[in-house]
C-alpha cells in the first residue's frame, strides 16, 4: 500500500503590479500627457459652454425677428378685427405660410384675451395660449426658452398693433429646441477633431521633450538622481583637490571647500563671473581657458597650484586644482640638501687634504707650522658665521645665508654680503623672507655660474618697518622685454628638475611681496648682470622705544668670510 503524497502548495499566480514608473522619462511623459489632456478637455468644455448659450441666443433672436416681421403684416390686423378664429380662416392661412417659409416650429397669433387665432395644430385654435402673453400684450418684446404645447422651444413674442398704434393682439414664434441642440451636436465632431489634433500635437511635443530629458538624464530615476546629487556633494566636499565648475558665460556654477580655500573665495561667490571674484593674472586666465595645456602651474595667494581644465558639452568647463606648495617647498629643500651634500662632499675632500697636510707637517716635526695651519683653517669658517650674524640678526635668515655661502663656494661663485647690510631681529614673517631670499639667491647662483668672475651680492637694509632686499649677479642679465615674464608662473629658460617644474620661484617672490604690500622688480647690474629688488613695507615690527639700529660692519663679506 503506497503512502499518500501530501498535496503541494498551489502555484502562485503571477501578479502584475501597475504603479507609478520610476524613470524620469516615463514620469515626465505621463505628467505632460495628463496636463495636455486636461487642458484640451478644459478648453473644449469652456468653448462648448458659451457656444450653447450663443446658439440659444441666436435661436431666440431669430424667433423674435420672425415675430417682428409677422407683426408688420397689415392684413393680419384687419383679419383679426373682422373674422373669427377658425382653422380655415385668413389668420391661420397667413401664419402657416410664414411658418413654412421661415422654418419656424410655430407661428401663433392671439388677440388681446390670449386666444389663439393660428397654430400648427388646428385643434388648438380658439383656445387660450399655454404661456402668459401679458408682457407682449403690455407692449414689450419677449425672448425666452420655455415649454409649451409643442415642447421646449426658443420663443420670441411681440405686440400686434393697428394703424393707430393700439395693441390688438400679439405674435408668438417658436423655434424647436431640438434644432438648436442639433446644431450644437453638429458642431461637436469638428470641435472634437480640433481637440484631438491639439491633443496629438501636445502628446508629440511631450514625447519629444521627454526623450530629450531622457538623454540628458541618462534614463535615470528620480531616486537615482537624488542619490547622485548627494554622492556628488559628499565627493566634492570630501576630496582634497579643488573643483570649480563654470557655465558657458564664465560664471562659477559650483565649487567645493578645497577650491574656496585655495582661491580665497566664499560660498557667496557662486554665480559670479570669474573675473569679478579673482584678481587678474595667470590663475584667472587658466580657469577661464585663455591659457591651455595640462598640469598648468599657477600661484594664488602664495600657494603653488597645478590646474587642469576640461570643457563640458554645454559650453562650460570644470577645473581641478591641486596644491603643490608643500611639494615645491620639499623639492626646493631637496635641491638645497643636495647642494649641501655636494658642498659637504667637497669639504670632505678638502678636509682630507688638510689632514694629509697636517700629518705631513707633524711627521716633519714642523709643529709650529702645523698649529698655524689648523688655526687659519678653523678661523676662516668661524669668521663666516660670525660676520653673517653680525649683519643679519634673524637666526633663520642668517643660517640661510651661511648655507648658501657654502653652496656658492662649492659651485665656484663668490657670495658677498653688501657693505650696507643690516637687518634687525624684528621680522614679521621670517619664513616668508627666507623663501624670497632663498629663491633669489638660487636664481642668481644659476645665472652667475659660468660667467667671468662669478659673483652674487646680497644686500638687506631696514628703514623703520620697511625691508629693502637687493640680489645681484654677474650672469647674462634679463632682457628688457622679458622682465615681466620672469615673474610669470611656469616661465623659465632652465631645464625642469626631476621632482617638478621650473618657473615657480620668482612667481612666489612677487606674490609674497605683493601679499605684504610690496613689489618685486628686476633691472641691470652695474658692470653687467641682473639685479633683483624687493621692497617690503611692513616686514618689520615696531622698533621698541630706546633701541637704536646697529652700525654695519666695516667691510663687505665674501663667501669665505674674508674682507673684500
Protein backbone atom coordinates (compact mmCIF):
# COMPACT_ATOMS: atom_id res chain seq x y z
CA UNK A 1 0.00 0.00 0.00
CA UNK A 2 1.60 3.18 -1.13
CA UNK A 3 1.86 6.16 1.13
CA UNK A 4 -0.24 9.17 0.30
CA UNK A 5 1.67 12.09 -1.09
CA UNK A 6 0.63 15.31 0.60
CA UNK A 7 -0.56 17.90 -1.85
CA UNK A 8 1.92 20.69 -2.53
CA UNK A 9 1.14 24.36 -2.22
CA UNK A 10 -0.96 25.74 -5.01
CA UNK A 11 1.01 27.50 -7.75
CA UNK A 12 1.44 31.14 -7.10
CA UNK A 13 -0.28 33.24 -9.68
CA UNK A 14 1.78 35.91 -11.31
CA UNK A 15 0.59 39.32 -10.22
CA UNK A 16 1.12 42.31 -12.42
CA UNK A 17 1.64 45.40 -10.38
CA UNK A 18 0.77 48.63 -12.09
CA UNK A 19 2.33 51.53 -10.27
CA UNK A 20 3.94 54.90 -10.81
CA UNK A 21 7.00 54.49 -13.09
CA UNK A 22 10.46 55.18 -11.63
CA UNK A 23 12.21 56.62 -14.68
CA UNK A 24 12.29 60.35 -15.16
CA UNK A 25 11.39 59.92 -18.82
CA UNK A 26 8.23 57.94 -18.05
CA UNK A 27 7.10 60.16 -15.19
CA UNK A 28 7.56 63.37 -17.14
CA UNK A 29 5.84 61.90 -20.20
CA UNK A 30 2.82 60.76 -18.18
CA UNK A 31 2.58 64.09 -16.37
CA UNK A 32 2.80 66.02 -19.62
CA UNK A 33 0.18 63.80 -21.29
CA UNK A 34 -2.12 64.25 -18.30
CA UNK A 35 -1.63 68.01 -18.41
CA UNK A 36 -2.18 68.15 -22.19
CA UNK A 37 -5.34 66.01 -21.92
CA UNK A 38 -6.69 68.06 -19.04
CA UNK A 39 -6.01 71.34 -20.83
CA UNK A 40 -7.65 70.05 -24.03
CA UNK A 41 -10.76 68.83 -22.20
CA UNK A 42 -10.99 72.04 -20.21
CA UNK A 43 -10.55 74.21 -23.31
CA UNK A 44 -13.17 72.20 -25.22
CA UNK A 45 -15.62 72.46 -22.33
CA UNK A 46 -15.00 76.16 -21.93
CA UNK A 47 -15.61 76.62 -25.66
CA UNK A 48 -18.76 74.48 -25.82
CA UNK A 49 -20.42 76.15 -22.87
CA UNK A 50 -20.59 79.63 -24.41
CA UNK A 51 -21.32 78.00 -27.79
CA UNK A 52 -24.55 76.50 -26.40
CA UNK A 53 -25.56 79.83 -24.92
CA UNK A 54 -24.73 81.56 -28.19
CA UNK A 55 -26.88 79.12 -30.17
CA UNK A 56 -29.76 79.66 -27.74
CA UNK A 57 -29.46 83.41 -28.13
CA UNK A 58 -29.34 83.13 -31.91
CA UNK A 59 -32.47 80.96 -31.92
CA UNK A 60 -34.38 83.40 -29.68
CA UNK A 61 -33.33 86.37 -31.80
CA UNK A 62 -34.39 84.54 -34.94
CA UNK A 63 -37.79 83.80 -33.42
CA UNK A 64 -38.11 87.43 -32.37
CA UNK A 65 -37.20 88.62 -35.86
CA UNK A 66 -39.83 86.37 -37.45
CA UNK A 67 -42.39 87.63 -34.95
CA UNK A 68 -41.48 91.26 -35.67
CA UNK A 69 -41.81 90.67 -39.42
CA UNK A 70 -45.12 88.93 -38.96
CA UNK A 71 -46.45 91.78 -36.81
CA UNK A 72 -45.86 94.26 -39.64
CA UNK A 73 -48.35 92.47 -41.92
CA UNK A 74 -51.42 94.83 -42.03
CA UNK A 75 -53.79 92.16 -43.31
CA UNK A 76 -53.40 90.21 -40.08
CA UNK A 77 -54.73 93.12 -38.05
CA UNK A 78 -57.76 93.51 -40.39
CA UNK A 79 -58.43 89.80 -40.33
CA UNK A 80 -58.08 89.70 -36.55
CA UNK A 81 -60.67 92.50 -36.20
CA UNK A 82 -63.28 91.27 -38.71
CA UNK A 83 -63.09 87.44 -38.74
CA UNK A 84 -63.37 84.60 -36.28
CA UNK A 85 -60.58 82.19 -35.10
CA UNK A 86 -61.11 79.18 -37.34
CA UNK A 87 -58.79 76.55 -38.82
CA UNK A 88 -59.54 77.78 -42.36
CA UNK A 89 -59.54 81.46 -41.57
CA UNK A 90 -57.23 84.04 -43.19
CA UNK A 91 -55.15 84.46 -39.98
CA UNK A 92 -54.37 80.74 -39.87
CA UNK A 93 -53.51 80.71 -43.57
CA UNK A 94 -51.16 83.67 -43.30
CA UNK A 95 -49.47 82.26 -40.19
CA UNK A 96 -48.89 78.85 -41.78
CA UNK A 97 -47.49 80.46 -44.89
CA UNK A 98 -44.99 82.43 -42.76
CA UNK A 99 -44.14 79.32 -40.68
CA UNK A 100 -43.35 77.23 -43.73
CA UNK A 101 -41.29 79.93 -45.39
CA UNK A 102 -39.20 80.69 -42.29
CA UNK A 103 -38.79 77.17 -40.93
CA UNK A 104 -40.23 78.08 -37.53
CA UNK A 105 -41.84 75.41 -35.37
CA UNK A 106 -44.98 77.52 -34.91
CA UNK A 107 -46.37 80.99 -35.58
CA UNK A 108 -49.17 81.79 -33.14
CA UNK A 109 -51.33 84.94 -33.49
CA UNK A 110 -53.54 85.79 -30.50
CA UNK A 111 -56.00 88.51 -29.63
CA UNK A 112 -55.99 90.67 -26.52
CA UNK A 113 -57.63 87.90 -24.50
CA UNK A 114 -54.75 85.47 -25.26
CA UNK A 115 -56.93 83.32 -27.55
CA UNK A 116 -55.11 81.65 -30.43
CA UNK A 117 -56.14 82.57 -33.99
CA UNK A 118 -53.45 80.37 -35.53
CA UNK A 119 -51.48 77.30 -34.53
CA UNK A 120 -49.61 74.40 -36.08
CA UNK A 121 -52.29 72.09 -34.67
CA UNK A 122 -55.70 73.35 -35.85
CA UNK A 123 -57.31 71.87 -32.75
CA UNK A 124 -55.57 74.47 -30.60
CA UNK A 125 -57.18 77.37 -32.48
CA UNK A 126 -59.71 79.19 -30.32
CA UNK A 127 -58.05 78.08 -27.09
CA UNK A 128 -56.06 80.18 -24.66
CA UNK A 129 -52.29 80.12 -25.07
CA UNK A 130 -50.30 77.87 -22.68
CA UNK A 131 -47.85 80.54 -21.57
CA UNK A 132 -48.55 84.01 -20.26
CA UNK A 133 -48.94 86.65 -23.04
CA UNK A 134 -49.11 89.56 -20.57
CA UNK A 135 -45.69 91.07 -21.39
CA UNK A 136 -46.33 91.04 -25.13
CA UNK A 137 -49.87 92.41 -24.73
CA UNK A 138 -48.42 95.10 -22.50
CA UNK A 139 -46.27 96.30 -25.38
CA UNK A 140 -42.97 94.52 -24.59
CA UNK A 141 -40.94 92.28 -26.82
CA UNK A 142 -40.05 88.97 -25.18
CA UNK A 143 -37.26 86.44 -25.86
CA UNK A 144 -37.23 83.21 -23.86
CA UNK A 145 -36.82 79.48 -23.88
CA UNK A 146 -39.89 77.84 -22.45
CA UNK A 147 -42.10 74.75 -22.61
CA UNK A 148 -45.43 74.81 -24.42
CA UNK A 149 -47.90 72.51 -26.07
CA UNK A 150 -45.27 71.54 -28.68
CA UNK A 151 -42.50 71.02 -26.16
CA UNK A 152 -39.44 73.10 -25.39
CA UNK A 153 -38.68 75.92 -27.82
CA UNK A 154 -36.90 79.23 -28.24
CA UNK A 155 -39.57 81.93 -28.38
CA UNK A 156 -39.99 85.47 -29.50
CA UNK A 157 -43.14 87.49 -28.70
CA UNK A 158 -44.08 90.96 -29.98
CA UNK A 159 -47.26 93.05 -29.67
CA UNK A 160 -49.57 93.35 -32.70
CA UNK A 161 -50.74 96.94 -33.33
CA UNK A 162 -53.31 98.55 -35.62
CA UNK A 163 -52.79 101.63 -37.73
CA UNK A 164 -53.39 103.87 -34.74
CA UNK A 165 -50.72 102.07 -32.69
CA UNK A 166 -53.21 100.37 -30.41
CA UNK A 167 -52.43 96.80 -29.33
CA UNK A 168 -54.95 94.42 -30.76
CA UNK A 169 -53.08 91.19 -30.08
CA UNK A 170 -49.63 89.54 -30.10
CA UNK A 171 -47.49 87.33 -32.29
CA UNK A 172 -45.52 84.40 -30.76
CA UNK A 173 -42.98 82.50 -32.87
CA UNK A 174 -41.15 79.40 -31.67
CA UNK A 175 -38.02 77.60 -32.90
CA UNK A 176 -37.81 73.94 -31.93
CA UNK A 177 -35.17 73.45 -29.23
CA UNK A 178 -34.16 70.15 -30.79
CA UNK A 179 -32.97 72.13 -33.77
CA UNK A 180 -30.71 74.26 -31.53
CA UNK A 181 -29.40 71.15 -29.81
CA UNK A 182 -28.86 69.54 -33.19
CA UNK A 183 -26.70 72.47 -34.30
CA UNK A 184 -24.69 72.12 -31.09
CA UNK A 185 -24.27 68.39 -31.57
CA UNK A 186 -23.39 69.01 -35.19
CA UNK A 187 -20.55 71.26 -34.08
CA UNK A 188 -19.18 68.64 -31.70
CA UNK A 189 -17.40 66.43 -34.30
CA UNK A 190 -15.44 69.38 -35.63
CA UNK A 191 -14.65 70.56 -32.13
CA UNK A 192 -13.56 67.10 -31.08
CA UNK A 193 -11.44 66.82 -34.22
CA UNK A 194 -9.67 70.06 -33.41
CA UNK A 195 -9.31 68.99 -29.77
CA UNK A 196 -7.94 65.62 -30.84
CA UNK A 197 -5.45 67.30 -33.17
CA UNK A 198 -4.34 69.65 -30.41
CA UNK A 199 -4.02 66.70 -28.03
CA UNK A 200 -1.96 64.77 -30.59
CA UNK A 201 0.36 67.74 -31.10
CA UNK A 202 0.67 68.13 -27.34
CA UNK A 203 1.38 64.43 -26.91
CA UNK A 204 4.05 64.55 -29.62
CA UNK A 205 5.66 67.61 -28.04
CA UNK A 206 5.53 65.92 -24.63
CA UNK A 207 7.19 62.83 -26.08
CA UNK A 208 9.96 64.83 -27.74
CA UNK A 209 10.61 66.84 -24.58
CA UNK A 210 10.62 63.65 -22.52
CA UNK A 211 13.04 61.96 -24.93
CA UNK A 212 15.38 64.93 -24.70
CA UNK A 213 15.10 64.80 -20.92
CA UNK A 214 15.79 61.07 -21.07
CA UNK A 215 19.02 61.65 -22.97
CA UNK A 216 20.07 64.46 -20.66
CA UNK A 217 19.36 62.43 -17.50
CA UNK A 218 20.71 59.14 -18.97
CA UNK A 219 17.36 57.44 -18.29
CA UNK A 220 17.79 57.65 -14.53
CA UNK A 221 15.09 57.51 -11.90
CA UNK A 222 14.39 60.46 -9.63
CA UNK A 223 15.70 58.46 -6.69
CA UNK A 224 18.91 57.76 -8.62
CA UNK A 225 19.31 61.46 -9.43
CA UNK A 226 18.77 62.36 -5.78
CA UNK A 227 21.34 59.77 -4.72
CA UNK A 228 23.80 61.01 -7.35
CA UNK A 229 23.41 64.59 -6.14
CA UNK A 230 24.02 63.51 -2.54
CA UNK A 231 27.05 61.47 -3.61
CA UNK A 232 28.35 64.36 -5.69
CA UNK A 233 28.11 66.76 -2.77
CA UNK A 234 29.87 64.28 -0.49
CA UNK A 235 32.58 63.62 -3.07
CA UNK A 236 33.16 67.27 -3.98
CA UNK A 237 33.48 68.37 -0.39
CA UNK A 238 35.44 65.30 0.67
CA UNK A 239 38.25 65.21 -1.88
CA UNK A 240 41.43 67.14 -1.26
CA UNK A 241 41.51 68.71 -4.72
CA UNK A 242 39.82 71.97 -5.58
CA UNK A 243 36.99 71.70 -8.11
CA UNK A 244 35.47 74.71 -9.87
CA UNK A 245 32.66 74.35 -12.42
CA UNK A 246 31.95 77.22 -14.84
CA UNK A 247 28.98 77.77 -17.13
CA UNK A 248 29.13 78.88 -20.76
CA UNK A 249 29.25 82.57 -19.72
CA UNK A 250 32.23 82.12 -17.43
CA UNK A 251 30.26 82.27 -14.18
CA UNK A 252 31.05 79.99 -11.24
CA UNK A 253 28.47 77.22 -11.20
CA UNK A 254 29.80 75.37 -8.16
CA UNK A 255 32.98 74.94 -6.16
CA UNK A 256 33.97 72.72 -3.28
CA UNK A 257 35.52 73.63 0.05
CA UNK A 258 39.07 72.99 -1.13
CA UNK A 259 38.64 75.32 -4.11
CA UNK A 260 37.37 78.04 -1.77
CA UNK A 261 40.44 77.58 0.41
CA UNK A 262 42.95 77.53 -2.44
CA UNK A 263 41.46 80.53 -4.25
CA UNK A 264 40.40 82.50 -1.16
CA UNK A 265 36.76 82.51 -2.27
CA UNK A 266 33.47 82.41 -0.38
CA UNK A 267 30.35 80.35 -0.90
CA UNK A 268 28.55 83.61 -1.81
CA UNK A 269 30.79 83.93 -4.88
CA UNK A 270 28.89 81.12 -6.61
CA UNK A 271 27.07 82.54 -9.62
CA UNK A 272 29.52 85.41 -10.04
CA UNK A 273 31.77 85.87 -13.11
CA UNK A 274 35.29 84.58 -12.64
CA UNK A 275 36.87 87.99 -13.25
CA UNK A 276 34.66 89.55 -10.56
CA UNK A 277 35.96 87.35 -7.71
CA UNK A 278 39.56 86.62 -8.77
CA UNK A 279 42.28 89.20 -9.45
CA UNK A 280 43.76 89.42 -12.95
CA UNK A 281 46.62 87.02 -13.51
CA UNK A 282 47.60 83.60 -14.65
CA UNK A 283 45.23 81.77 -12.28
CA UNK A 284 42.21 83.57 -13.74
CA UNK A 285 43.48 83.02 -17.29
CA UNK A 286 43.96 79.29 -16.69
CA UNK A 287 40.49 78.83 -15.18
CA UNK A 288 38.88 80.90 -17.94
CA UNK A 289 40.61 78.83 -20.64
CA UNK A 290 42.75 81.63 -22.04
CA UNK A 291 45.83 79.54 -21.18
CA UNK A 292 45.58 75.95 -22.35
CA UNK A 293 47.53 72.84 -21.54
CA UNK A 294 47.79 70.05 -19.00
CA UNK A 295 49.09 70.40 -15.44
CA UNK A 296 49.47 74.17 -15.69
CA UNK A 297 51.38 75.78 -12.84
CA UNK A 298 49.96 78.88 -11.22
CA UNK A 299 50.38 80.80 -7.97
CA UNK A 300 47.41 82.00 -5.93
CA UNK A 301 47.87 83.78 -2.64
CA UNK A 302 51.32 82.33 -2.04
CA UNK A 303 50.19 78.81 -2.93
CA UNK A 304 51.61 76.86 -5.85
CA UNK A 305 48.74 75.20 -7.75
CA UNK A 306 48.54 72.72 -10.60
CA UNK A 307 45.43 73.39 -12.69
CA UNK A 308 43.66 71.28 -15.30
CA UNK A 309 40.63 72.42 -17.24
CA UNK A 310 38.14 70.19 -19.06
CA UNK A 311 35.39 71.71 -21.28
CA UNK A 312 31.83 70.40 -20.94
CA UNK A 313 29.19 69.80 -23.61
CA UNK A 314 27.14 72.86 -22.62
CA UNK A 315 29.99 75.28 -23.29
CA UNK A 316 31.19 75.47 -19.69
CA UNK A 317 34.18 73.81 -18.07
CA UNK A 318 35.33 72.00 -14.93
CA UNK A 319 38.73 72.93 -13.48
CA UNK A 320 40.64 70.96 -10.87
CA UNK A 321 43.29 72.48 -8.63
CA UNK A 322 46.00 70.63 -6.72
CA UNK A 323 48.04 72.27 -4.00
CA UNK A 324 51.74 71.77 -4.76
CA UNK A 325 53.01 74.29 -2.22
CA UNK A 326 54.39 71.67 0.14
CA UNK A 327 55.74 69.61 -2.73
CA UNK A 328 57.52 72.62 -4.19
CA UNK A 329 58.89 73.51 -0.75
CA UNK A 330 60.11 69.95 -0.24
CA UNK A 331 61.57 69.95 -3.74
CA UNK A 332 63.47 73.13 -3.05
CA UNK A 333 64.61 71.76 0.27
CA UNK A 334 65.76 68.67 -1.61
CA UNK A 335 67.69 70.84 -4.05
CA UNK A 336 69.22 72.70 -1.13
CA UNK A 337 70.03 69.45 0.63
CA UNK A 338 71.69 68.12 -2.49
CA UNK A 339 73.69 71.32 -2.73
CA UNK A 340 74.74 71.00 0.89
CA UNK A 341 75.63 67.34 0.36
CA UNK A 342 77.76 68.30 -2.59
CA UNK A 343 79.32 71.06 -0.51
CA UNK A 344 79.95 68.65 2.36
CA UNK A 345 81.43 66.16 -0.06
CA UNK A 346 83.75 68.84 -1.37
CA UNK A 347 84.62 69.88 2.18
CA UNK A 348 85.26 66.25 2.98
CA UNK A 349 87.86 66.13 0.21
CA UNK A 350 89.22 69.48 1.37
CA UNK A 351 89.30 68.21 4.95
CA UNK A 352 91.13 65.07 3.85
CA UNK A 353 93.69 67.21 2.02
CA UNK A 354 94.16 69.33 5.11
CA UNK A 355 94.53 66.26 7.29
CA UNK A 356 97.17 64.93 4.92
CA UNK A 357 98.92 68.28 5.03
CA UNK A 358 98.74 68.34 8.84
CA UNK A 359 100.03 64.77 9.01
CA UNK A 360 102.96 65.67 6.80
CA UNK A 361 103.81 68.71 8.95
CA UNK A 362 103.71 66.58 12.08
CA UNK A 363 105.83 63.84 10.52
CA UNK A 364 108.35 66.51 9.53
CA UNK A 365 108.19 67.76 13.12
CA UNK A 366 107.12 71.23 11.93
CA UNK A 367 104.89 71.71 14.92
CA UNK A 368 104.60 75.50 14.81
CA UNK A 369 103.60 75.39 11.13
CA UNK A 370 101.01 72.70 11.95
CA UNK A 371 99.45 74.85 14.71
CA UNK A 372 99.33 77.89 12.39
CA UNK A 373 97.74 75.83 9.62
CA UNK A 374 94.96 74.49 11.90
CA UNK A 375 94.28 77.93 13.39
CA UNK A 376 93.89 79.50 9.96
CA UNK A 377 91.56 76.74 8.66
CA UNK A 378 89.25 76.86 11.68
CA UNK A 379 89.22 80.63 11.87
CA UNK A 380 88.03 81.16 8.28
CA UNK A 381 84.84 79.14 8.71
CA UNK A 382 84.16 80.59 12.13
CA UNK A 383 84.55 84.11 10.74
CA UNK A 384 81.99 83.38 8.05
CA UNK A 385 79.21 82.57 10.51
CA UNK A 386 80.16 85.32 12.94
CA UNK A 387 80.24 88.07 10.36
CA UNK A 388 76.88 86.99 8.88
CA UNK A 389 75.22 87.06 12.30
CA UNK A 390 76.71 90.50 12.97
CA UNK A 391 74.88 91.90 9.97
CA UNK A 392 71.73 89.71 9.90
CA UNK A 393 70.26 89.29 13.37
CA UNK A 394 67.39 86.98 12.40
CA UNK A 395 68.62 83.40 13.03
CA UNK A 396 66.67 81.76 10.17
CA UNK A 397 67.90 84.24 7.59
CA UNK A 398 71.47 84.15 8.93
CA UNK A 399 71.51 80.34 8.75
CA UNK A 400 70.22 80.52 5.17
CA UNK A 401 72.99 82.92 4.14
CA UNK A 402 75.69 80.78 5.77
CA UNK A 403 74.39 77.69 3.99
CA UNK A 404 74.11 79.50 0.65
CA UNK A 405 77.69 80.77 1.07
CA UNK A 406 78.88 77.18 1.39
CA UNK A 407 76.90 76.12 -1.67
CA UNK A 408 78.21 79.10 -3.62
CA UNK A 409 81.80 78.18 -2.76
CA UNK A 410 81.25 74.64 -3.98
CA UNK A 411 79.83 75.97 -7.27
CA UNK A 412 82.75 78.33 -7.71
CA UNK A 413 80.75 81.52 -7.10
CA UNK A 414 81.67 84.26 -4.64
CA UNK A 415 78.66 85.12 -2.45
CA UNK A 416 79.09 88.60 -0.92
CA UNK A 417 77.11 90.42 1.73
CA UNK A 418 76.91 94.09 0.75
CA UNK A 419 78.53 96.69 2.94
CA UNK A 420 75.28 98.41 3.86
CA UNK A 421 73.58 95.20 5.05
CA UNK A 422 71.99 95.42 8.48
CA UNK A 423 68.76 93.60 9.41
CA UNK A 424 67.38 93.62 12.99
CA UNK A 425 65.63 90.65 14.59
CA UNK A 426 62.14 92.14 14.19
CA UNK A 427 60.79 90.29 11.16
CA UNK A 428 57.03 89.86 10.95
CA UNK A 429 57.26 86.81 8.67
CA UNK A 430 60.74 85.24 8.82
CA UNK A 431 59.79 82.13 6.72
CA UNK A 432 58.36 84.38 4.00
CA UNK A 433 61.55 86.47 3.77
CA UNK A 434 63.65 83.26 3.86
CA UNK A 435 61.66 81.99 0.85
CA UNK A 436 62.18 85.26 -1.03
CA UNK A 437 65.92 85.48 -0.29
CA UNK A 438 66.49 81.78 -0.95
CA UNK A 439 64.75 81.85 -4.34
CA UNK A 440 66.59 84.99 -5.45
CA UNK A 441 70.00 83.60 -4.38
CA UNK A 442 69.31 80.26 -6.11
CA UNK A 443 68.41 82.02 -9.37
CA UNK A 444 71.42 84.33 -9.02
CA UNK A 445 73.80 81.38 -8.46
CA UNK A 446 72.37 79.61 -11.52
CA UNK A 447 72.87 82.75 -13.60
CA UNK A 448 76.38 83.52 -12.29
CA UNK A 449 77.83 80.04 -12.87
CA UNK A 450 79.97 80.08 -15.97
CA UNK A 451 80.40 83.86 -16.10
CA UNK A 452 83.71 85.67 -15.83
CA UNK A 453 84.48 86.28 -12.15
CA UNK A 454 81.18 84.73 -10.95
CA UNK A 455 79.81 86.67 -8.05
CA UNK A 456 76.49 87.15 -6.23
CA UNK A 457 75.88 90.06 -3.88
CA UNK A 458 73.12 90.27 -1.28
CA UNK A 459 72.03 93.46 0.46
CA UNK A 460 69.43 93.67 3.22
CA UNK A 461 68.55 97.09 4.64
CA UNK A 462 65.94 98.19 7.15
CA UNK A 463 64.23 101.60 7.31
CA UNK A 464 61.69 101.83 10.13
CA UNK A 465 59.37 98.90 9.22
CA UNK A 466 60.46 98.59 5.58
CA UNK A 467 62.96 96.00 4.35
CA UNK A 468 64.86 96.55 1.12
CA UNK A 469 66.41 93.47 -0.48
CA UNK A 470 68.80 93.52 -3.44
CA UNK A 471 70.34 90.41 -5.03
CA UNK A 472 72.67 90.95 -8.00
CA UNK A 473 74.71 88.54 -10.07
CA UNK A 474 77.30 88.61 -12.83
CA UNK A 475 75.25 86.48 -15.18
CA UNK A 476 73.92 87.39 -18.63
CA UNK A 477 71.15 89.60 -17.19
CA UNK A 478 67.48 89.79 -18.15
CA UNK A 479 66.47 91.49 -21.43
CA UNK A 480 64.12 94.44 -21.02
CA UNK A 481 61.31 92.74 -22.96
CA UNK A 482 61.35 89.74 -20.60
CA UNK A 483 61.50 91.46 -17.24
CA UNK A 484 57.78 90.92 -16.62
CA UNK A 485 57.82 87.37 -17.94
CA UNK A 486 60.40 86.17 -15.41
CA UNK A 487 57.80 86.66 -12.65
CA UNK A 488 55.15 84.63 -14.52
CA UNK A 489 54.25 81.15 -13.23
CA UNK A 490 55.70 78.38 -15.35
CA UNK A 491 58.06 80.62 -17.37
CA UNK A 492 61.71 79.56 -17.26
CA UNK A 493 64.69 79.13 -19.53
CA UNK A 494 66.13 76.27 -17.46
CA UNK A 495 65.51 72.55 -17.71
CA UNK A 496 62.92 71.30 -15.16
CA UNK A 497 64.31 69.33 -12.21
CA UNK A 498 63.40 65.71 -11.57
CA UNK A 499 60.93 66.50 -8.77
CA UNK A 500 58.83 69.13 -10.52
CA UNK A 501 58.76 72.09 -12.88
CA UNK A 502 60.57 75.39 -13.23
CA UNK A 503 59.11 78.87 -13.24
CA UNK A 504 57.80 78.94 -9.67
CA UNK A 505 60.50 80.65 -7.58
CA UNK A 506 60.28 84.18 -8.98
CA UNK A 507 56.48 83.96 -9.19
CA UNK A 508 56.43 83.14 -5.49
CA UNK A 509 58.80 86.04 -4.80
CA UNK A 510 56.47 88.54 -6.46
CA UNK A 511 53.34 87.04 -4.90
CA UNK A 512 54.81 87.03 -1.39
CA UNK A 513 55.99 90.61 -1.85
CA UNK A 514 52.56 91.73 -3.05
CA UNK A 515 50.87 89.99 -0.13
CA UNK A 516 52.88 92.24 2.19
CA UNK A 517 52.03 95.33 0.16
CA UNK A 518 55.41 95.40 -1.55
CA UNK A 519 56.78 94.88 -5.02
CA UNK A 520 59.45 92.94 -6.85
CA UNK A 521 61.27 94.04 -10.00
CA UNK A 522 64.41 93.29 -11.97
CA UNK A 523 66.93 95.64 -13.58
CA UNK A 524 70.52 95.82 -14.81
CA UNK A 525 73.50 95.50 -12.50
CA UNK A 526 76.35 97.98 -12.81
CA UNK A 527 79.06 96.20 -14.75
CA UNK A 528 76.69 93.66 -16.31
CA UNK A 529 74.27 91.07 -14.98
CA UNK A 530 70.89 91.33 -13.28
CA UNK A 531 69.77 92.97 -10.07
CA UNK A 532 66.53 91.90 -8.37
CA UNK A 533 64.99 94.37 -5.92
CA UNK A 534 62.23 93.56 -3.43
CA UNK A 535 60.62 96.20 -1.21
CA UNK A 536 58.56 95.01 1.78
CA UNK A 537 56.90 98.00 3.52
CA UNK A 538 55.53 96.09 6.54
CA UNK A 539 58.19 93.42 7.03
CA UNK A 540 59.37 94.58 10.48
CA UNK A 541 57.56 95.10 13.75
CA UNK A 542 57.58 98.41 15.54
CA UNK A 543 61.01 99.30 16.94
CA UNK A 544 60.99 99.24 20.78
CA UNK A 545 61.47 102.62 22.47
CA UNK A 546 65.10 103.43 23.23
CA UNK A 547 66.51 100.84 20.80
CA UNK A 548 68.76 102.12 18.02
CA UNK A 549 69.83 100.32 14.92
CA UNK A 550 73.32 98.86 14.95
CA UNK A 551 76.07 100.01 12.71
CA UNK A 552 77.12 97.96 9.65
CA UNK A 553 80.41 96.15 9.59
CA UNK A 554 83.43 97.88 8.16
CA UNK A 555 83.91 95.69 5.11
CA UNK A 556 81.72 93.51 2.91
CA UNK A 557 81.81 89.78 3.47
CA UNK A 558 82.71 87.21 0.86
CA UNK A 559 81.58 83.61 0.77
CA UNK A 560 84.78 82.59 2.53
CA UNK A 561 84.40 85.20 5.25
CA UNK A 562 87.31 87.29 4.04
CA UNK A 563 87.04 91.07 3.62
CA UNK A 564 86.53 92.25 0.09
